[in-house]
Protein backbone atom coordinates (compact mmCIF):
# COMPACT_ATOMS: atom_id res chain seq x y z
CA UNK A 1 -0.12 -0.22 -0.09
CA UNK A 2 1.40 3.53 -0.71
CA UNK A 3 2.27 5.65 1.85
CA UNK A 4 2.21 9.62 1.84
CA UNK A 5 4.20 11.42 4.85
CA UNK A 6 2.84 14.10 6.22
CA UNK A 7 4.97 16.81 7.73
CA UNK A 8 5.26 20.07 10.07
CA UNK A 9 8.90 21.97 10.59
CA UNK A 10 11.39 23.24 8.72
CA UNK A 11 13.02 21.42 5.57
CA UNK A 12 16.20 21.23 3.94
CA UNK A 13 14.87 21.35 0.54
CA UNK A 14 11.59 22.97 0.54
CA UNK A 15 8.97 22.81 -1.96
CA UNK A 16 10.37 19.99 -3.36
CA UNK A 17 8.08 16.79 -3.88
CA UNK A 18 9.86 12.96 -3.93
CA UNK A 19 8.69 9.72 -4.93
CA UNK A 20 10.63 7.07 -2.84
CA UNK A 21 10.25 3.27 -4.16
CA UNK A 22 11.55 0.05 -2.32
CA UNK A 23 9.74 -3.23 -1.95
CA UNK A 24 12.23 -4.56 1.01
CA UNK A 25 10.68 -2.72 4.65
CA UNK A 26 14.04 -2.71 6.52
CA UNK A 27 15.80 -0.56 3.98
CA UNK A 28 12.38 1.72 2.93
CA UNK A 29 12.14 2.39 7.26
CA UNK A 30 15.89 3.03 7.05
CA UNK A 31 15.91 5.41 4.21
CA UNK A 32 12.89 6.92 4.72
CA UNK A 33 13.73 7.90 8.06
CA UNK A 34 16.38 10.53 6.34
CA UNK A 35 14.24 11.67 3.34
CA UNK A 36 11.64 12.97 6.52
CA UNK A 37 13.99 15.10 7.71
CA UNK A 38 15.08 16.54 4.61
CA UNK A 39 11.70 16.68 2.29
CA UNK A 40 8.21 17.92 3.99
CA UNK A 41 6.62 16.03 0.63
CA UNK A 42 7.25 12.22 0.64
CA UNK A 43 5.15 9.80 -1.25
CA UNK A 44 6.24 6.05 -0.89
CA UNK A 45 5.08 2.81 -2.86
CA UNK A 46 6.51 -0.51 -2.27
CA UNK A 47 6.66 -1.70 -5.88
CA UNK A 48 7.03 -0.22 -9.20
CA UNK A 49 3.39 -0.72 -9.86
CA UNK A 50 2.52 1.73 -6.80
CA UNK A 51 5.31 4.11 -7.97
CA UNK A 52 4.00 4.82 -11.35
CA UNK A 53 0.71 5.69 -10.23
CA UNK A 54 1.77 7.93 -7.27
CA UNK A 55 4.20 9.76 -10.12
CA UNK A 56 1.09 10.16 -11.69
CA UNK A 57 -0.50 11.71 -9.19
CA UNK A 58 1.61 13.74 -7.66
CA UNK A 59 4.17 14.38 -10.57
CA UNK A 60 7.33 14.87 -8.36
CA UNK A 61 10.12 16.13 -8.73
CA UNK A 62 12.91 13.83 -7.30
CA UNK A 63 12.43 10.01 -8.07
CA UNK A 64 14.37 7.46 -5.93
CA UNK A 65 13.78 4.12 -6.72
CA UNK A 66 15.08 0.29 -6.05
CA UNK A 67 15.67 -2.18 -9.54
CA UNK A 68 14.13 -5.59 -8.72
CA UNK A 69 10.85 -5.38 -7.07
CA UNK A 70 7.55 -7.27 -7.55
CA UNK A 71 4.57 -6.47 -10.15
CA UNK A 72 6.79 -3.92 -11.99
CA UNK A 73 10.59 -3.89 -11.38
CA UNK A 74 12.26 -0.14 -11.11
CA UNK A 75 13.69 -0.31 -14.60
CA UNK A 76 9.79 -1.09 -15.89
CA UNK A 77 8.77 1.94 -13.65
CA UNK A 78 10.86 4.44 -14.84
CA UNK A 79 10.14 3.47 -19.07
CA UNK A 80 7.15 3.90 -17.84
CA UNK A 81 7.84 7.89 -16.36
CA UNK A 82 10.36 8.55 -19.36
CA UNK A 83 7.75 8.35 -21.54
CA UNK A 84 6.26 10.94 -20.15
CA UNK A 85 8.68 13.57 -18.58
CA UNK A 86 12.56 13.09 -19.72
CA UNK A 87 13.43 15.90 -17.10
CA UNK A 88 12.34 14.38 -13.90
CA UNK A 89 15.24 13.37 -11.32
CA UNK A 90 15.68 9.89 -10.49
CA UNK A 91 18.14 7.87 -8.24
CA UNK A 92 18.12 4.48 -8.36
CA UNK A 93 19.61 1.99 -5.52
CA UNK A 94 20.14 -1.68 -5.63
CA UNK A 95 22.23 -4.30 -4.48
CA UNK A 96 23.01 -5.35 -7.75
CA UNK A 97 25.56 -4.27 -9.76
CA UNK A 98 25.40 -6.45 -13.02
CA UNK A 99 26.46 -4.81 -16.30
CA UNK A 100 23.38 -4.97 -18.11
CA UNK A 101 21.00 -2.72 -15.04
CA UNK A 102 24.16 -0.28 -15.60
CA UNK A 103 23.60 0.14 -19.22
CA UNK A 104 19.87 0.44 -19.36
CA UNK A 105 20.19 3.03 -15.93
CA UNK A 106 22.03 4.91 -18.40
CA UNK A 107 19.57 4.49 -21.51
CA UNK A 108 16.66 5.52 -19.36
CA UNK A 109 18.63 8.68 -18.47
CA UNK A 110 19.14 7.94 -14.51
CA UNK A 111 21.10 10.37 -13.26
CA UNK A 112 22.65 8.64 -10.19
CA UNK A 113 23.04 4.85 -9.54
CA UNK A 114 24.36 4.18 -6.05
CA UNK A 115 24.63 0.83 -4.79
CA UNK A 116 23.76 -0.85 -1.64
CA UNK A 117 24.58 -0.59 1.42
CA UNK A 118 24.05 3.16 0.78
CA UNK A 119 27.08 5.23 1.72
CA UNK A 120 25.05 8.12 2.81
CA UNK A 121 27.64 10.85 1.94
CA UNK A 122 27.04 10.04 -1.20
CA UNK A 123 23.14 9.16 -1.32
CA UNK A 124 23.15 13.37 0.20
CA UNK A 125 25.57 14.32 -2.54
CA UNK A 126 23.18 12.68 -5.36
CA UNK A 127 20.38 13.90 -3.23
CA UNK A 128 22.01 17.81 -3.40
CA UNK A 129 22.90 17.26 -7.31
CA UNK A 130 19.09 16.04 -8.50
CA UNK A 131 17.07 19.05 -6.09
CA UNK A 132 19.60 22.03 -7.98
CA UNK A 133 18.98 20.06 -11.17
CA UNK A 134 15.39 19.95 -10.85
CA UNK A 135 15.39 23.39 -9.62
CA UNK A 136 17.01 24.67 -13.10
CA UNK A 137 14.68 22.68 -15.49
CA UNK A 138 12.07 24.58 -13.17
CA UNK A 139 13.24 27.56 -14.30
CA UNK A 140 14.06 27.02 -17.70
CA UNK A 141 10.51 25.09 -18.23
CA UNK A 142 9.19 28.72 -17.33
CA UNK A 143 11.39 31.05 -19.58
CA UNK A 144 11.63 31.84 -23.37
CA UNK A 145 15.31 30.40 -24.45
CA UNK A 146 15.52 33.60 -26.13
CA UNK A 147 14.64 36.92 -24.26
CA UNK A 148 15.43 34.87 -21.47
CA UNK A 149 11.88 36.52 -19.71
CA UNK A 150 8.88 34.42 -18.96
CA UNK A 151 7.49 32.57 -21.96
CA UNK A 152 3.59 32.62 -22.75
CA UNK A 153 2.67 28.99 -20.87
CA UNK A 154 4.08 30.89 -17.44
CA UNK A 155 2.40 34.30 -18.10
CA UNK A 156 -0.67 32.84 -18.70
CA UNK A 157 -0.64 31.01 -15.25
CA UNK A 158 0.78 34.42 -13.75
CA UNK A 159 -2.15 36.36 -14.79
CA UNK A 160 -4.62 33.53 -14.16
CA UNK A 161 -3.34 34.45 -10.46
CA UNK A 162 -3.12 37.73 -10.38
CA UNK A 163 -7.07 38.12 -11.51
CA UNK A 164 -8.16 35.81 -8.68
CA UNK A 165 -5.88 37.98 -6.46
CA UNK A 166 -8.05 40.85 -7.56
CA UNK A 167 -11.04 39.20 -7.27
CA UNK A 168 -10.53 38.29 -3.73
CA UNK A 169 -9.05 42.03 -2.55
CA UNK A 170 -10.05 44.31 -4.92
CA UNK A 171 -7.13 45.41 -6.09
CA UNK A 172 -6.17 47.07 -9.92
CA UNK A 173 -3.67 45.65 -12.47
CA UNK A 174 -3.47 46.31 -15.78
CA UNK A 175 -1.55 44.10 -18.60
CA UNK A 176 0.29 46.05 -21.68
CA UNK A 177 0.77 44.38 -25.20
CA UNK A 178 3.37 45.71 -27.37
CA UNK A 179 4.67 44.38 -30.68
CA UNK A 180 7.68 45.24 -32.78
CA UNK A 181 6.77 47.94 -35.68
CA UNK A 182 7.79 46.30 -39.70
CA UNK A 183 9.39 43.56 -37.66
CA UNK A 184 9.47 41.63 -40.67
CA UNK A 185 11.47 43.75 -42.64
CA UNK A 186 14.32 43.45 -40.39
CA UNK A 187 14.75 39.51 -40.68
CA UNK A 188 14.10 40.07 -44.51
CA UNK A 189 17.18 43.32 -44.80
CA UNK A 190 19.22 42.42 -42.05
CA UNK A 191 18.78 38.11 -41.43
CA UNK A 192 17.12 36.30 -38.49
CA UNK A 193 20.52 36.96 -36.55
CA UNK A 194 19.59 40.07 -36.33
CA UNK A 195 16.61 40.22 -35.65
CA UNK A 196 17.19 38.03 -32.52
CA UNK A 197 19.66 40.75 -31.42
CA UNK A 198 16.69 43.35 -31.74
CA UNK A 199 14.24 40.66 -29.60
CA UNK A 200 17.23 40.18 -26.87
CA UNK A 201 17.76 44.12 -26.91
CA UNK A 202 14.16 45.07 -26.74
CA UNK A 203 13.62 42.67 -23.66
CA UNK A 204 16.74 43.75 -22.21
CA UNK A 205 15.28 47.40 -22.31
CA UNK A 206 11.67 46.41 -21.08
CA UNK A 207 12.95 44.15 -17.72
CA UNK A 208 15.60 47.18 -17.10
CA UNK A 209 12.58 49.23 -16.54
CA UNK A 210 10.16 47.34 -15.32
CA UNK A 211 9.60 47.18 -11.24
CA UNK A 212 10.46 43.93 -9.67
CA UNK A 213 6.87 43.06 -9.44
CA UNK A 214 6.21 43.49 -12.53
CA UNK A 215 6.12 40.50 -14.85
CA UNK A 216 7.79 40.53 -18.24
CA UNK A 217 6.93 37.55 -20.88
CA UNK A 218 7.33 36.76 -24.92
CA UNK A 219 4.04 36.35 -25.96
CA UNK A 220 5.36 34.86 -29.18
CA UNK A 221 7.24 35.95 -32.52
CA UNK A 222 7.65 39.96 -31.98
CA UNK A 223 4.91 40.62 -29.00
CA UNK A 224 5.56 40.56 -25.34
CA UNK A 225 3.06 41.18 -22.65
CA UNK A 226 3.57 42.65 -19.07
CA UNK A 227 1.20 42.24 -16.23
CA UNK A 228 1.54 45.47 -13.50
CA UNK A 229 0.16 44.69 -10.74
CA UNK A 230 -1.09 47.13 -8.29
CA UNK A 231 -1.55 49.76 -11.38
CA UNK A 232 -4.34 50.88 -12.70
CA UNK A 233 -5.23 52.46 -16.51
CA UNK A 234 -2.96 56.19 -16.19
CA UNK A 235 -0.52 54.19 -14.71
CA UNK A 236 0.06 51.01 -16.98
CA UNK A 237 -0.23 53.97 -19.96
CA UNK A 238 2.73 56.09 -18.15
CA UNK A 239 4.73 53.04 -18.38
CA UNK A 240 3.95 52.31 -21.32
CA UNK A 241 4.94 55.60 -22.90
CA UNK A 242 8.14 55.43 -21.16
CA UNK A 243 9.39 52.51 -22.40
CA UNK A 244 8.11 53.21 -26.08
CA UNK A 245 10.23 56.45 -25.88
CA UNK A 246 13.66 53.92 -24.85
CA UNK A 247 13.00 51.96 -27.56
CA UNK A 248 12.82 54.74 -30.01
CA UNK A 249 15.97 56.16 -28.56
CA UNK A 250 17.86 53.69 -29.05
CA UNK A 251 20.42 53.06 -31.65
CA UNK A 252 20.48 49.31 -32.72
CA UNK A 253 23.46 48.49 -33.95
CA UNK A 254 23.69 48.24 -38.06
CA UNK A 255 19.73 48.66 -38.14
CA UNK A 256 19.12 52.35 -36.33
CA UNK A 257 15.59 52.70 -35.14
CA UNK A 258 13.11 49.83 -34.02
CA UNK A 259 9.65 51.05 -32.65
CA UNK A 260 6.64 49.42 -30.89
CA UNK A 261 2.93 49.89 -30.64
CA UNK A 262 1.26 48.97 -27.40
CA UNK A 263 -2.10 48.29 -26.24
CA UNK A 264 -3.51 49.01 -22.40
CA UNK A 265 -6.49 47.10 -20.93
CA UNK A 266 -7.18 47.59 -17.43
CA UNK A 267 -8.84 44.31 -15.10
CA UNK A 268 -12.27 45.05 -13.83
CA UNK A 269 -14.27 42.33 -11.71
CA UNK A 270 -16.07 39.65 -13.60
CA UNK A 271 -13.80 40.39 -16.63
CA UNK A 272 -12.24 36.90 -18.25
CA UNK A 273 -8.33 36.39 -18.75
CA UNK A 274 -9.70 35.80 -22.45
CA UNK A 275 -11.90 39.32 -22.46
CA UNK A 276 -8.71 40.71 -20.98
CA UNK A 277 -5.87 39.74 -23.10
CA UNK A 278 -9.08 40.50 -26.20
CA UNK A 279 -9.23 44.08 -24.87
CA UNK A 280 -5.24 44.67 -24.90
CA UNK A 281 -5.25 43.08 -28.55
CA UNK A 282 -7.98 45.40 -29.97
CA UNK A 283 -5.99 48.38 -28.17
CA UNK A 284 -2.65 47.28 -29.87
CA UNK A 285 -4.45 46.70 -33.08
CA UNK A 286 -5.65 50.56 -32.72
CA UNK A 287 -2.30 52.06 -32.41
CA UNK A 288 -0.95 50.12 -35.48
CA UNK A 289 -4.13 51.65 -37.19
CA UNK A 290 -3.09 55.30 -35.81
CA UNK A 291 0.65 55.02 -37.24
CA UNK A 292 1.63 52.56 -35.29
CA UNK A 293 4.97 53.74 -32.67
CA UNK A 294 2.09 54.57 -30.11
CA UNK A 295 0.31 53.43 -27.16
CA UNK A 296 -3.45 53.18 -26.71
CA UNK A 297 -5.96 52.29 -24.02
CA UNK A 298 -8.80 49.62 -24.85
CA UNK A 299 -11.85 51.91 -24.16
CA UNK A 300 -15.34 49.54 -25.09
């Protein structure tokens, strides 16, 4: 039977979910004590079948598993998990040092291979490296790889969260949609490498201008979104205009002047995420129609 271990104290590794799979009782209880002292969220299974069920339910950040077990082996469980997730960190503990097992672990991207009896120092070092790698992968999954700002998926997640917060506390916030004017011409005349340089530079300009609490994300192509908590439409318009001016006055190497158009929308109670985004998009479209390189607020 699978076991979930609740804890109520501070831990070395906060917000890291662990799945531990081991069929031998003595080994399981011994290592579980080590894990419970360091992690607040530990899920335990006695074979690969229960382990895979718990993986699907909890989507852990770190998996620690034995190899030879009843019903489903650790290797079979790892193979099934790898079909869903290539990045989750996996530590294998085993009393069997056969070359075939080791090679299969490599083939299935096992991150650490530890022989029993377990050397505690070696095991704790593997955990530390796995947690660090897991955190790095989490950050990368939220980021646009080119511009180093948030990606669209993360922006939508944070926007949904801000809507809930605004509804609960009646706090204002606005969003700003910006689009690089005539960006296709940059690609056509100067090439994609220079175009990427423009995207990176504009991302840098914006991130240096905004507050730490603001959220900046690449929406797609040459479009970016800004989420500005505790900011009404007037404040968002001022911010958008300052960003527009900074970009307009910047001399892009070998390209010269590049401009952006902006659309601003303010959240109000009952407005859906899709409606808010649509309003910012309509405001941006109006800026494009009005000659580009300007800021427009959505007003129904």
